[in-house]
Amino acid sequence: MRIVQVRHNGETYTPVVTPAGQVLDRAQLEALSVAQHMVGRVRRLRFTLIDECVLPGGGHLDFENWTRFEAPTWLPLMFADLDLPIGIVEGISPVAAGTIPGVVGRSLIATARLHETRLAALAWDAVQNATWSGVCLEFTTDPRDGVGITLDGFAKVHLGDVESNCCPGAIVRAAWEEPRPADGPCASRNERA
């Protein structure tokens, strides 16, 4: 199975398909989200979570208090626009304007650990072959309220194709595998500009 990119009438779709070309439905994807896929290594992603761009529908992240930045303990990482978990966002850090190419103003960069499930493995493969690189932060508050978004308004993060990101700079910047803590040093890393 793999995630493929399909363009139709100007829209991009990234369904999961079997080797025979069958598109998996929601129930099949749910089964993959709990099916174990032990890789023996920890898979991590680093991505720009959000910057100071205007969000779809209006609103923006309120960076005025960013010197007192306190990230949520963790956020769920979801499979595309479905509420199927594939990992955990473990760390979020503020980044000064001009530090990362392609972002607007100040930004937040995050690191996530993927679960060891078959669905997370499909997402990993899609990132590796550049089918997926988009990230979208979902909020608990409405960004169109005109007062901006605060850090306590973060709900979850969606990983999907680049066209589904919430702001142009919200993309995967690096993907790597590392041994489990008792196994030794990190072996492979795939960085993106």
Foldseek 3Di string as FASTA:
>chain_A
DAWDWDADPNDIDTFDADPVGDGDDPVVLLVQLPAFADPQWKKKFKWFAAAQDAWVLGAGADCVPVVPDDADCKAFEDEAPDRRGFWIFHDKDKDAAPPDPPHDGITIMIMIITHRTRSNVNLLVCVVVLQWWAKAWDFQDDRNPPPHHYNVGTHHMYTGHCVRHGDNRTTTFKMAIAHDPVPDGGDDIGGHD
